[in-house]
Amino acid sequence: MSNIYRQFFELLPKRPLEVGDVAALDAGVATITLPGGGVIQARGQATAGQRVFVRDGLIEGPAPSLTYVEGEA
C-alpha cells in the first residue's frame, strides 16, 4: 500500500530556486531584490550587495554575479 501523505505532497508544486541581490540586512533577515524587480525577505547568512540563491524564505548560499538576460518566447 502506498503512502497517502507522500502522494499528497507530490501534488503540490515544487519550491522554485530564485536568485537576487541582498539590499539590506536586519537581525538575520535579508531583503532581497529579484532581477524582475520584486522584493522578498529571507533568513540566512549574507552581506549587503551579495548575490544569493533563495528557496522558500531561506538563503541557500552565494550565487555567481552574472549578467541577467531575459528573452521572450
N, C-alpha and C. Protein backbone atom coordinates (compact mmCIF):
# COMPACT_ATOMS: atom_id res chain seq x y z
N MET A 1 0.85 -1.19 0.00
CA MET A 1 0.00 0.00 0.00
C MET A 1 0.89 1.24 0.00
N SER A 2 0.56 2.21 -0.83
CA SER A 2 1.39 3.41 -0.94
C SER A 2 1.07 4.40 0.18
N ASN A 3 1.99 5.33 0.39
CA ASN A 3 1.87 6.33 1.43
C ASN A 3 1.03 7.50 0.91
N ILE A 4 -0.14 7.71 1.47
CA ILE A 4 -1.06 8.77 1.01
C ILE A 4 -0.47 10.15 1.31
N TYR A 5 0.24 10.29 2.41
CA TYR A 5 0.86 11.57 2.77
C TYR A 5 1.88 11.95 1.69
N ARG A 6 2.69 11.03 1.23
CA ARG A 6 3.68 11.30 0.18
C ARG A 6 2.98 11.62 -1.13
N GLN A 7 1.92 10.93 -1.44
CA GLN A 7 1.17 11.20 -2.67
C GLN A 7 0.61 12.63 -2.66
N PHE A 8 0.13 13.06 -1.49
CA PHE A 8 -0.40 14.41 -1.37
C PHE A 8 0.68 15.45 -1.66
N PHE A 9 1.87 15.29 -1.08
CA PHE A 9 2.95 16.24 -1.30
C PHE A 9 3.46 16.23 -2.74
N GLU A 10 3.32 15.14 -3.43
CA GLU A 10 3.72 15.10 -4.83
C GLU A 10 2.78 15.92 -5.71
N LEU A 11 1.56 16.20 -5.21
CA LEU A 11 0.61 17.03 -5.95
C LEU A 11 0.95 18.51 -5.85
N LEU A 12 1.65 18.92 -4.79
CA LEU A 12 1.98 20.31 -4.58
C LEU A 12 3.12 20.74 -5.50
N PRO A 13 3.12 22.00 -5.94
CA PRO A 13 4.22 22.46 -6.81
C PRO A 13 5.53 22.50 -6.05
N LYS A 14 6.62 22.25 -6.76
CA LYS A 14 7.95 22.31 -6.16
C LYS A 14 8.31 23.76 -5.88
N ARG A 15 9.09 23.97 -4.83
CA ARG A 15 9.52 25.33 -4.47
C ARG A 15 10.62 25.77 -5.44
N PRO A 16 10.45 26.93 -6.10
CA PRO A 16 11.46 27.38 -7.07
C PRO A 16 12.71 27.91 -6.38
N LEU A 17 13.85 27.76 -7.04
CA LEU A 17 15.11 28.35 -6.60
C LEU A 17 15.23 29.69 -7.30
N GLU A 18 15.32 30.76 -6.52
CA GLU A 18 15.40 32.10 -7.07
C GLU A 18 16.77 32.69 -6.78
N VAL A 19 17.13 33.72 -7.51
CA VAL A 19 18.40 34.42 -7.30
C VAL A 19 18.10 35.90 -7.19
N GLY A 20 18.84 36.59 -6.32
CA GLY A 20 18.64 38.02 -6.16
C GLY A 20 19.80 38.65 -5.43
N ASP A 21 19.75 39.96 -5.32
CA ASP A 21 20.79 40.74 -4.66
C ASP A 21 20.31 41.21 -3.30
N VAL A 22 21.16 41.05 -2.29
CA VAL A 22 20.81 41.46 -0.93
C VAL A 22 20.87 42.99 -0.87
N ALA A 23 19.74 43.61 -0.55
CA ALA A 23 19.65 45.07 -0.47
C ALA A 23 19.91 45.55 0.96
N ALA A 24 19.44 44.78 1.95
CA ALA A 24 19.60 45.20 3.34
C ALA A 24 19.53 43.98 4.25
N LEU A 25 20.10 44.13 5.45
CA LEU A 25 20.06 43.08 6.46
C LEU A 25 19.56 43.67 7.77
N ASP A 26 18.73 42.90 8.49
CA ASP A 26 18.24 43.34 9.78
C ASP A 26 17.94 42.12 10.64
N ALA A 27 18.75 41.88 11.65
CA ALA A 27 18.56 40.80 12.62
C ALA A 27 18.44 39.43 11.95
N GLY A 28 19.32 39.15 11.00
CA GLY A 28 19.34 37.85 10.35
C GLY A 28 18.33 37.68 9.22
N VAL A 29 17.59 38.74 8.90
CA VAL A 29 16.63 38.69 7.80
C VAL A 29 17.11 39.63 6.71
N ALA A 30 17.27 39.09 5.50
CA ALA A 30 17.76 39.87 4.38
C ALA A 30 16.60 40.28 3.48
N THR A 31 16.66 41.51 3.00
CA THR A 31 15.73 41.99 1.98
C THR A 31 16.45 41.81 0.65
N ILE A 32 15.83 41.04 -0.26
CA ILE A 32 16.47 40.64 -1.50
C ILE A 32 15.67 41.18 -2.68
N THR A 33 16.38 41.82 -3.60
CA THR A 33 15.78 42.34 -4.82
C THR A 33 15.98 41.32 -5.93
N LEU A 34 14.89 40.89 -6.54
CA LEU A 34 14.94 39.90 -7.62
C LEU A 34 15.19 40.60 -8.96
N PRO A 35 15.72 39.89 -9.96
CA PRO A 35 16.01 40.51 -11.26
C PRO A 35 14.81 41.17 -11.92
N GLY A 36 13.61 40.65 -11.73
CA GLY A 36 12.42 41.22 -12.34
C GLY A 36 11.88 42.44 -11.61
N GLY A 37 12.50 42.81 -10.48
CA GLY A 37 12.07 43.99 -9.74
C GLY A 37 11.34 43.67 -8.45
N GLY A 38 11.00 42.41 -8.22
CA GLY A 38 10.32 42.03 -6.99
C GLY A 38 11.25 42.08 -5.79
N VAL A 39 10.66 42.14 -4.61
CA VAL A 39 11.43 42.18 -3.37
C VAL A 39 10.89 41.10 -2.44
N ILE A 40 11.80 40.29 -1.88
CA ILE A 40 11.41 39.26 -0.92
C ILE A 40 12.31 39.36 0.30
N GLN A 41 11.90 38.69 1.37
CA GLN A 41 12.72 38.62 2.57
C GLN A 41 13.03 37.16 2.84
N ALA A 42 14.26 36.92 3.32
CA ALA A 42 14.69 35.55 3.58
C ALA A 42 15.65 35.54 4.77
N ARG A 43 15.68 34.41 5.47
CA ARG A 43 16.59 34.23 6.60
C ARG A 43 17.87 33.57 6.11
N GLY A 44 18.98 33.89 6.76
CA GLY A 44 20.24 33.24 6.43
C GLY A 44 21.41 34.20 6.47
N GLN A 45 22.58 33.65 6.19
CA GLN A 45 23.82 34.42 6.22
C GLN A 45 24.08 35.06 4.86
N ALA A 46 24.31 36.36 4.86
CA ALA A 46 24.63 37.09 3.64
C ALA A 46 25.18 38.45 4.02
N THR A 47 25.73 39.15 3.05
CA THR A 47 26.19 40.52 3.25
C THR A 47 25.49 41.41 2.23
N ALA A 48 25.38 42.69 2.56
CA ALA A 48 24.72 43.63 1.66
C ALA A 48 25.47 43.69 0.33
N GLY A 49 24.72 43.65 -0.77
CA GLY A 49 25.29 43.70 -2.11
C GLY A 49 25.63 42.33 -2.68
N GLN A 50 25.56 41.30 -1.88
CA GLN A 50 25.88 39.94 -2.33
C GLN A 50 24.72 39.35 -3.13
N ARG A 51 25.03 38.57 -4.14
CA ARG A 51 24.01 37.84 -4.90
C ARG A 51 23.86 36.46 -4.27
N VAL A 52 22.61 36.04 -4.00
CA VAL A 52 22.37 34.79 -3.29
C VAL A 52 21.27 33.97 -3.96
N PHE A 53 21.29 32.66 -3.67
CA PHE A 53 20.20 31.76 -4.05
C PHE A 53 19.22 31.70 -2.89
N VAL A 54 17.91 31.76 -3.19
CA VAL A 54 16.86 31.75 -2.17
C VAL A 54 15.80 30.73 -2.56
N ARG A 55 15.39 29.93 -1.57
CA ARG A 55 14.28 28.99 -1.79
C ARG A 55 13.45 28.93 -0.51
N ASP A 56 12.17 29.16 -0.67
CA ASP A 56 11.22 29.01 0.44
C ASP A 56 11.59 29.86 1.66
N GLY A 57 12.05 31.09 1.42
CA GLY A 57 12.34 32.00 2.52
C GLY A 57 13.68 31.78 3.21
N LEU A 58 14.53 30.94 2.64
CA LEU A 58 15.85 30.69 3.21
C LEU A 58 16.93 30.96 2.17
N ILE A 59 18.01 31.59 2.61
CA ILE A 59 19.15 31.80 1.73
C ILE A 59 19.93 30.49 1.69
N GLU A 60 20.10 29.94 0.49
CA GLU A 60 20.80 28.66 0.35
C GLU A 60 22.29 28.83 0.15
N GLY A 61 22.73 30.00 -0.29
CA GLY A 61 24.15 30.24 -0.47
C GLY A 61 24.41 31.32 -1.49
N PRO A 62 25.69 31.62 -1.71
CA PRO A 62 26.04 32.67 -2.68
C PRO A 62 25.78 32.21 -4.11
N ALA A 63 25.45 33.16 -4.96
CA ALA A 63 25.21 32.90 -6.38
C ALA A 63 26.26 33.67 -7.18
N PRO A 64 26.61 33.18 -8.35
CA PRO A 64 27.58 33.91 -9.17
C PRO A 64 26.99 35.23 -9.68
N SER A 65 27.83 36.23 -9.81
CA SER A 65 27.39 37.53 -10.31
C SER A 65 27.49 37.56 -11.82
N LEU A 66 26.46 37.06 -12.47
CA LEU A 66 26.40 37.03 -13.93
C LEU A 66 25.40 38.07 -14.41
N THR A 67 25.49 38.46 -15.65
CA THR A 67 24.56 39.41 -16.24
C THR A 67 23.22 38.73 -16.47
N TYR A 68 22.14 39.38 -16.06
CA TYR A 68 20.79 38.83 -16.24
C TYR A 68 20.27 39.19 -17.62
N VAL A 69 19.82 38.19 -18.36
CA VAL A 69 19.26 38.40 -19.69
C VAL A 69 17.89 37.75 -19.72
N GLU A 70 16.88 38.49 -20.18
CA GLU A 70 15.52 37.95 -20.26
C GLU A 70 15.14 37.88 -21.73
N GLY A 71 14.63 36.74 -22.14
CA GLY A 71 14.21 36.57 -23.53
C GLY A 71 12.72 36.34 -23.61
N GLU A 72 12.14 36.64 -24.76
CA GLU A 72 10.73 36.41 -24.96
C GLU A 72 10.54 35.13 -25.76
N ALA A 73 9.49 34.42 -25.43
CA ALA A 73 9.20 33.16 -26.13
C ALA A 73 8.30 33.40 -27.31
